[in-house]
Amino acid sequence: MKTNRHACAIWIMAMIVLQLGVLPDLRATEPGPKKGNIALKSLTSITFNDDGILFIADPLAAHVYAIETHAVAQTFAENFNVKDIDEKLGALLGVQAKDIRIVDMAVNPKSKEIYLAVSRKGSPAQSVLVKTDAQGKLQTVDLTNVSFYETTLKNLPAPGAKLPQEWHSLALAVTDMAFVDGELLVAGLSGEEFSSRLRRFSFPFSEQSQSVQLEIFHTSHDVYETRSPIETFLPFTINGQKHILAGYGCSPVAKFSLQDIRSKNQLRGITVAELGGGNRPLDMIAYKKDGKDYVMIANSDRTMMRMSSEDLDKAK
């Protein structure tokens, strides 16, 4: 009878829940941010999503962080210029301008502040996050007691492992990042023989992530390249279809369909341009002029280059 009374009580409670329309939410809740300090071992790439979340890559620590910036909108002049920024960064970080390297740059979509990933030579060397406000004032971004999410990079080269090329290093585990349709795309080097890889992380981060192995035809070397990672990439729409344009060292530009990136484990891109042997594409941005779409490419050993989008769909 005790069992029957217990079952009856459960049945009555269930009927009350149904009558009141009160049902427990059995859906998995999204993980919330942590609160604490971030101590960077390296800093190779930064980017934002539309909500002002700042993503920073620390490949030497095998980590990617997402930081809540709590940005407040600022009004910037139409023509914004910080003169002698290398000297100002050197003064801020206590070294000469020649000991400063700006590794990456991103604009906070909420505040319009410009964030810089900066490498400072010295003993010890240091990776620093810096931002500039609407008046051009530079200040370091404090990473103590911040709200952040984090995820771990897996399948990286083991310490002391032989890397695919002499000039490869663990820092190339993350070469560039972009946030697209709720996912963080992370290009870089893996620890596998087929080592050029593009990783995908849903956000907020979970334990699960996906990735695709990438190869391209390298026009200067006349081979299919599988070991050199993307140096920089840009989400770009071609004929209404989402792609990424990817720049490689020495120095092809290739396109990959975002649909294929999300559905395949291994993918061959289509080479659309060659920017010159011995060169490295450093960054790419898209812009519109006179109703036409263009891509501007900054290079290590060439001048700035402009690419029209008109023929990107015709590449074989």
Protein backbone atom coordinates (compact mmCIF):
# COMPACT_ATOMS: atom_id res chain seq x y z
CA MET A 1 0.00 0.00 0.00
CA LYS A 2 2.94 2.32 0.64
CA THR A 3 4.00 1.91 -2.98
CA ASN A 4 0.50 2.62 -4.21
CA ARG A 5 0.19 5.77 -2.08
CA HIS A 6 3.57 6.97 -3.46
CA ALA A 7 2.47 6.39 -7.04
CA CYS A 8 -0.85 8.13 -6.36
CA ALA A 9 0.91 11.18 -4.94
CA ILE A 10 3.14 11.43 -8.03
CA TRP A 11 0.06 11.13 -10.28
CA ILE A 12 -1.75 13.94 -8.38
CA MET A 13 1.32 16.21 -8.59
CA ALA A 14 1.61 15.57 -12.33
CA MET A 15 -2.06 16.46 -12.83
CA ILE A 16 -1.58 19.71 -10.90
CA VAL A 17 1.44 20.61 -13.06
CA LEU A 18 -0.54 19.92 -16.22
CA GLN A 19 -3.54 21.93 -15.02
CA LEU A 20 -1.43 24.91 -14.08
CA GLY A 21 0.59 24.71 -17.27
CA VAL A 22 3.80 24.73 -15.22
CA LEU A 23 6.37 22.45 -16.80
CA PRO A 24 10.00 22.27 -15.75
CA ASP A 25 12.49 23.54 -18.30
CA LEU A 26 14.51 20.45 -19.17
CA ARG A 27 16.66 22.20 -21.75
CA ALA A 28 20.35 22.41 -21.09
CA THR A 29 21.27 25.84 -19.84
CA GLU A 30 24.06 27.74 -21.57
CA PRO A 31 27.28 27.94 -19.58
CA GLY A 32 27.83 31.29 -17.93
CA PRO A 33 31.09 33.27 -17.88
CA LYS A 34 33.82 32.78 -15.33
CA LYS A 35 35.23 35.60 -13.24
CA GLY A 36 38.96 35.85 -12.78
CA ASN A 37 42.35 36.72 -14.22
CA ILE A 38 43.80 35.90 -17.64
CA ALA A 39 47.59 35.58 -17.85
CA LEU A 40 48.60 35.51 -21.52
CA LYS A 41 51.51 33.41 -22.73
CA SER A 42 51.02 34.67 -26.29
CA LEU A 43 48.57 36.71 -28.36
CA THR A 44 48.27 36.07 -32.09
CA SER A 45 44.73 37.04 -33.07
CA ILE A 46 41.75 39.07 -31.84
CA THR A 47 38.21 39.58 -33.14
CA PHE A 48 34.75 40.65 -31.94
CA ASN A 49 31.23 39.42 -32.40
CA ASP A 50 28.33 41.83 -32.87
CA ASP A 51 27.61 41.88 -29.12
CA GLY A 52 31.03 43.30 -28.29
CA ILE A 53 32.49 40.01 -27.01
CA LEU A 54 36.25 40.08 -27.57
CA PHE A 55 37.88 36.80 -28.64
CA ILE A 56 41.61 36.48 -28.03
CA ALA A 57 43.88 33.59 -29.04
CA ASP A 58 46.72 32.36 -26.85
CA PRO A 59 48.17 29.41 -28.80
CA LEU A 60 51.15 28.87 -26.49
CA ALA A 61 48.64 28.21 -23.71
CA ALA A 62 46.42 26.25 -26.15
CA HIS A 63 43.51 28.53 -25.25
CA VAL A 64 40.99 30.88 -26.80
CA TYR A 65 39.24 33.33 -24.48
CA ALA A 66 36.03 35.33 -24.95
CA ILE A 67 35.87 38.46 -22.78
CA GLU A 68 32.85 40.58 -21.93
CA THR A 69 34.01 44.16 -22.59
CA HIS A 70 30.88 45.98 -21.26
CA ALA A 71 31.56 48.59 -23.93
CA VAL A 72 30.01 52.07 -23.90
CA ALA A 73 29.43 53.79 -27.26
CA GLN A 74 31.85 56.58 -28.16
CA THR A 75 31.77 59.13 -30.97
CA PHE A 76 34.79 58.93 -33.26
CA ALA A 77 35.75 61.51 -35.87
CA GLU A 78 35.06 60.48 -39.46
CA ASN A 79 38.78 60.60 -40.17
CA PHE A 80 40.52 59.01 -37.18
CA ASN A 81 44.30 58.94 -37.08
CA VAL A 82 46.71 58.11 -34.25
CA LYS A 83 50.04 59.52 -35.43
CA ASP A 84 53.31 57.79 -34.49
CA ILE A 85 51.41 54.93 -32.91
CA ASP A 86 54.53 52.74 -32.71
CA GLU A 87 56.33 55.36 -30.64
CA LYS A 88 53.28 55.85 -28.42
CA LEU A 89 52.96 52.11 -27.88
CA GLY A 90 56.66 51.91 -27.03
CA ALA A 91 56.30 54.70 -24.48
CA LEU A 92 53.23 53.00 -23.01
CA LEU A 93 55.02 49.67 -22.64
CA GLY A 94 58.44 51.03 -21.67
CA VAL A 95 60.44 50.07 -24.78
CA GLN A 96 61.57 51.68 -28.01
CA ALA A 97 59.33 51.78 -31.06
CA LYS A 98 61.50 49.19 -32.85
CA ASP A 99 60.70 46.70 -30.09
CA ILE A 100 56.96 46.92 -30.71
CA ARG A 101 55.02 44.77 -33.17
CA ILE A 102 51.29 45.18 -33.80
CA VAL A 103 50.13 41.61 -34.41
CA ASP A 104 46.41 42.18 -35.00
CA MET A 105 43.70 44.83 -34.79
CA ALA A 106 39.93 44.75 -34.26
CA VAL A 107 37.19 47.34 -33.69
CA ASN A 108 34.67 46.92 -30.89
CA PRO A 109 31.26 47.18 -32.65
CA LYS A 110 29.63 48.65 -29.53
CA SER A 111 32.13 51.32 -28.44
CA LYS A 112 34.03 51.71 -31.77
CA GLU A 113 37.25 51.55 -29.75
CA ILE A 114 40.19 50.07 -31.64
CA TYR A 115 41.86 47.10 -29.94
CA LEU A 116 45.45 46.09 -30.74
CA ALA A 117 47.23 42.82 -30.08
CA VAL A 118 50.80 43.93 -29.37
CA SER A 119 54.03 41.98 -29.00
CA ARG A 120 56.75 43.65 -26.94
CA LYS A 121 60.34 42.52 -27.25
CA GLY A 122 62.48 42.48 -24.18
CA SER A 123 63.32 40.34 -21.20
CA PRO A 124 60.84 38.95 -20.77
CA ALA A 125 58.95 39.31 -24.04
CA GLN A 126 55.32 40.18 -23.47
CA SER A 127 51.98 39.98 -25.25
CA VAL A 128 49.74 42.92 -24.41
CA LEU A 129 46.23 43.99 -25.31
CA VAL A 130 45.91 47.74 -25.95
CA LYS A 131 42.97 49.93 -26.97
CA THR A 132 42.54 53.50 -28.16
CA ASP A 133 39.58 55.71 -27.35
CA ALA A 134 37.90 58.41 -29.45
CA GLN A 135 40.60 60.93 -28.49
CA GLY A 136 43.40 58.63 -29.63
CA LYS A 137 44.56 57.87 -26.10
CA LEU A 138 46.20 54.47 -25.72
CA GLN A 139 45.76 52.29 -22.67
CA THR A 140 46.44 48.66 -21.82
CA VAL A 141 43.41 46.43 -21.33
CA ASP A 142 43.37 45.04 -17.80
CA LEU A 143 42.73 41.28 -17.84
CA THR A 144 42.36 40.90 -14.08
CA ASN A 145 38.96 40.17 -12.54
CA VAL A 146 37.24 39.97 -15.94
CA SER A 147 34.18 37.97 -17.02
CA PHE A 148 35.26 35.46 -19.64
CA TYR A 149 34.61 32.18 -21.37
CA GLU A 150 37.41 29.86 -22.45
CA THR A 151 38.02 26.83 -24.62
CA THR A 152 41.00 24.59 -25.24
CA LEU A 153 42.76 24.04 -28.55
CA LYS A 154 43.31 20.35 -29.19
CA ASN A 155 45.48 18.35 -31.60
CA LEU A 156 48.34 20.84 -31.42
CA PRO A 157 52.00 19.97 -32.06
CA ALA A 158 53.49 18.44 -28.91
CA PRO A 159 56.36 20.34 -27.24
CA GLY A 160 59.57 19.35 -29.00
CA ALA A 161 57.72 17.71 -31.88
CA LYS A 162 59.07 18.11 -35.40
CA LEU A 163 56.96 20.72 -37.18
CA PRO A 164 55.97 20.57 -40.86
CA GLN A 165 58.24 23.42 -41.96
CA GLU A 166 61.40 24.99 -40.52
CA TRP A 167 59.69 28.33 -40.01
CA HIS A 168 56.64 26.82 -38.29
CA SER A 169 56.12 27.36 -34.58
CA LEU A 170 53.41 26.61 -32.04
CA ALA A 171 52.34 30.27 -32.32
CA LEU A 172 50.89 29.33 -35.74
CA ALA A 173 48.29 27.16 -34.00
CA VAL A 174 46.09 30.27 -34.34
CA THR A 175 46.82 32.60 -37.23
CA ASP A 176 43.44 34.34 -37.62
CA MET A 177 39.87 34.27 -36.30
CA ALA A 178 36.43 35.51 -37.34
CA PHE A 179 32.96 35.20 -35.82
CA VAL A 180 30.30 34.05 -38.32
CA ASP A 181 26.69 33.02 -37.64
CA GLY A 182 27.19 32.16 -33.99
CA GLU A 183 30.47 30.33 -34.53
CA LEU A 184 34.08 31.32 -33.99
CA LEU A 185 36.23 30.23 -36.95
CA VAL A 186 39.86 29.66 -36.00
CA ALA A 187 42.53 29.08 -38.66
CA GLY A 188 45.93 27.65 -37.87
CA LEU A 189 48.30 24.74 -37.56
CA SER A 190 47.43 21.34 -36.11
CA GLY A 191 49.69 18.58 -34.85
CA GLU A 192 48.66 16.21 -37.62
CA GLU A 193 50.50 15.40 -40.84
CA PHE A 194 47.71 17.14 -42.80
CA SER A 195 48.31 20.16 -40.63
CA SER A 196 46.40 23.08 -42.22
CA ARG A 197 43.14 23.23 -40.27
CA LEU A 198 40.12 25.45 -39.69
CA ARG A 199 38.42 24.92 -36.34
CA ARG A 200 34.83 25.88 -35.46
CA PHE A 201 33.62 26.70 -31.96
CA SER A 202 29.99 27.42 -31.09
CA PHE A 203 29.54 30.26 -28.62
CA PRO A 204 29.14 30.21 -25.65
CA PHE A 205 31.90 27.62 -25.74
CA SER A 206 31.15 23.97 -25.05
CA GLU A 207 33.34 20.89 -24.87
CA GLN A 208 32.48 20.06 -28.47
CA SER A 209 34.14 21.63 -31.52
CA GLN A 210 34.47 20.76 -35.18
CA SER A 211 37.26 21.21 -37.70
CA VAL A 212 38.11 20.66 -41.33
CA GLN A 213 41.46 19.88 -42.96
CA LEU A 214 42.26 22.29 -45.78
CA GLU A 215 44.40 22.10 -48.90
CA ILE A 216 44.95 24.39 -51.86
CA PHE A 217 46.91 24.39 -55.09
CA HIS A 218 50.01 26.48 -54.41
CA THR A 219 50.75 28.25 -57.67
CA SER A 220 54.33 29.29 -56.85
CA HIS A 221 55.37 25.81 -55.71
CA ASP A 222 53.22 23.89 -58.23
CA VAL A 223 51.96 21.50 -55.56
CA TYR A 224 48.84 20.84 -53.52
CA GLU A 225 49.64 22.38 -50.14
CA THR A 226 48.40 20.66 -46.97
CA ARG A 227 50.99 21.69 -44.37
CA SER A 228 51.02 25.50 -44.40
CA PRO A 229 48.20 27.13 -42.44
CA ILE A 230 46.05 30.02 -43.56
CA GLU A 231 47.83 33.29 -42.70
CA THR A 232 44.72 35.50 -42.77
CA PHE A 233 41.13 35.06 -43.90
CA LEU A 234 37.97 37.05 -44.51
CA PRO A 235 34.30 35.98 -44.49
CA PHE A 236 32.94 37.10 -47.86
CA THR A 237 29.73 36.60 -49.83
CA ILE A 238 30.06 35.54 -53.48
CA ASN A 239 26.87 35.38 -55.58
CA GLY A 240 24.77 35.22 -52.42
CA GLN A 241 26.77 32.28 -51.00
CA LYS A 242 28.94 32.67 -47.91
CA HIS A 243 32.64 31.90 -48.35
CA ILE A 244 35.93 32.64 -46.72
CA LEU A 245 38.80 34.17 -48.69
CA ALA A 246 42.05 32.78 -47.31
CA GLY A 247 45.55 34.15 -47.81
CA TYR A 248 48.55 31.83 -47.59
CA GLY A 249 52.26 32.49 -47.32
CA CYS A 250 54.22 32.80 -50.59
CA SER A 251 51.26 33.73 -51.37
CA PRO A 252 48.08 32.32 -52.94
CA VAL A 253 44.57 33.53 -52.12
CA ALA A 254 41.92 30.80 -52.14
CA LYS A 255 38.18 30.59 -51.55
CA PHE A 256 36.27 28.02 -49.51
CA SER A 257 32.50 27.62 -49.33
CA LEU A 258 31.25 28.06 -45.77
CA GLN A 259 28.66 25.36 -46.42
CA ASP A 260 31.46 22.93 -47.33
CA ILE A 261 33.50 23.99 -44.30
CA ARG A 262 30.57 23.03 -42.08
CA SER A 263 29.77 19.74 -43.78
CA LYS A 264 33.13 18.16 -44.69
CA ASN A 265 36.15 16.83 -42.82
CA GLN A 266 38.60 17.54 -45.62
CA LEU A 267 38.30 20.29 -48.22
CA ARG A 268 40.21 21.59 -51.22
CA GLY A 269 39.91 25.32 -51.82
CA ILE A 270 39.92 27.11 -55.17
CA THR A 271 42.98 29.30 -55.76
CA VAL A 272 41.84 32.69 -57.12
CA ALA A 273 44.99 34.86 -57.01
CA GLU A 274 48.74 34.87 -56.45
CA LEU A 275 50.27 37.81 -54.57
CA GLY A 276 53.95 37.05 -55.18
CA GLY A 277 56.58 34.56 -54.04
CA GLY A 278 58.27 35.22 -50.70
CA ASN A 279 55.35 37.39 -49.61
CA ARG A 280 52.93 36.88 -46.71
CA PRO A 281 49.41 38.37 -46.67
CA LEU A 282 49.05 39.99 -43.23
CA ASP A 283 45.42 41.06 -43.13
CA MET A 284 42.33 41.45 -45.33
CA ILE A 285 39.33 43.75 -45.13
CA ALA A 286 36.23 44.14 -47.32
CA TYR A 287 34.80 47.48 -48.39
CA LYS A 288 32.41 48.95 -50.93
CA LYS A 289 33.11 51.80 -53.35
CA ASP A 290 30.84 53.12 -56.12
CA GLY A 291 28.49 50.22 -55.53
CA LYS A 292 31.19 47.57 -56.00
CA ASP A 293 32.73 45.21 -53.46
CA TYR A 294 36.49 45.08 -52.99
CA VAL A 295 39.00 43.33 -50.77
CA MET A 296 42.08 45.21 -49.52
CA ILE A 297 45.09 43.05 -48.64
CA ALA A 298 48.09 44.13 -46.55
CA ASN A 299 51.31 42.25 -47.33
CA SER A 300 54.70 41.64 -45.77
CA ASP A 301 56.78 42.12 -48.95
CA ARG A 302 54.42 43.83 -51.39
CA THR A 303 52.44 47.04 -51.38
CA MET A 304 48.79 47.13 -50.37
CA MET A 305 46.69 45.31 -52.97
CA ARG A 306 43.06 45.71 -53.99
CA MET A 307 41.05 42.79 -55.37
CA SER A 308 37.71 43.20 -57.11
CA SER A 309 35.02 40.71 -56.17
CA GLU A 310 33.56 40.60 -59.69
CA ASP A 311 35.58 37.62 -60.91
CA LEU A 312 35.79 35.57 -57.71
CA ASP A 313 32.92 33.33 -58.81
CA LYS A 314 34.64 32.55 -62.14
CA ALA A 315 37.82 31.00 -60.72
CA LYS A 316 38.30 27.40 -61.82
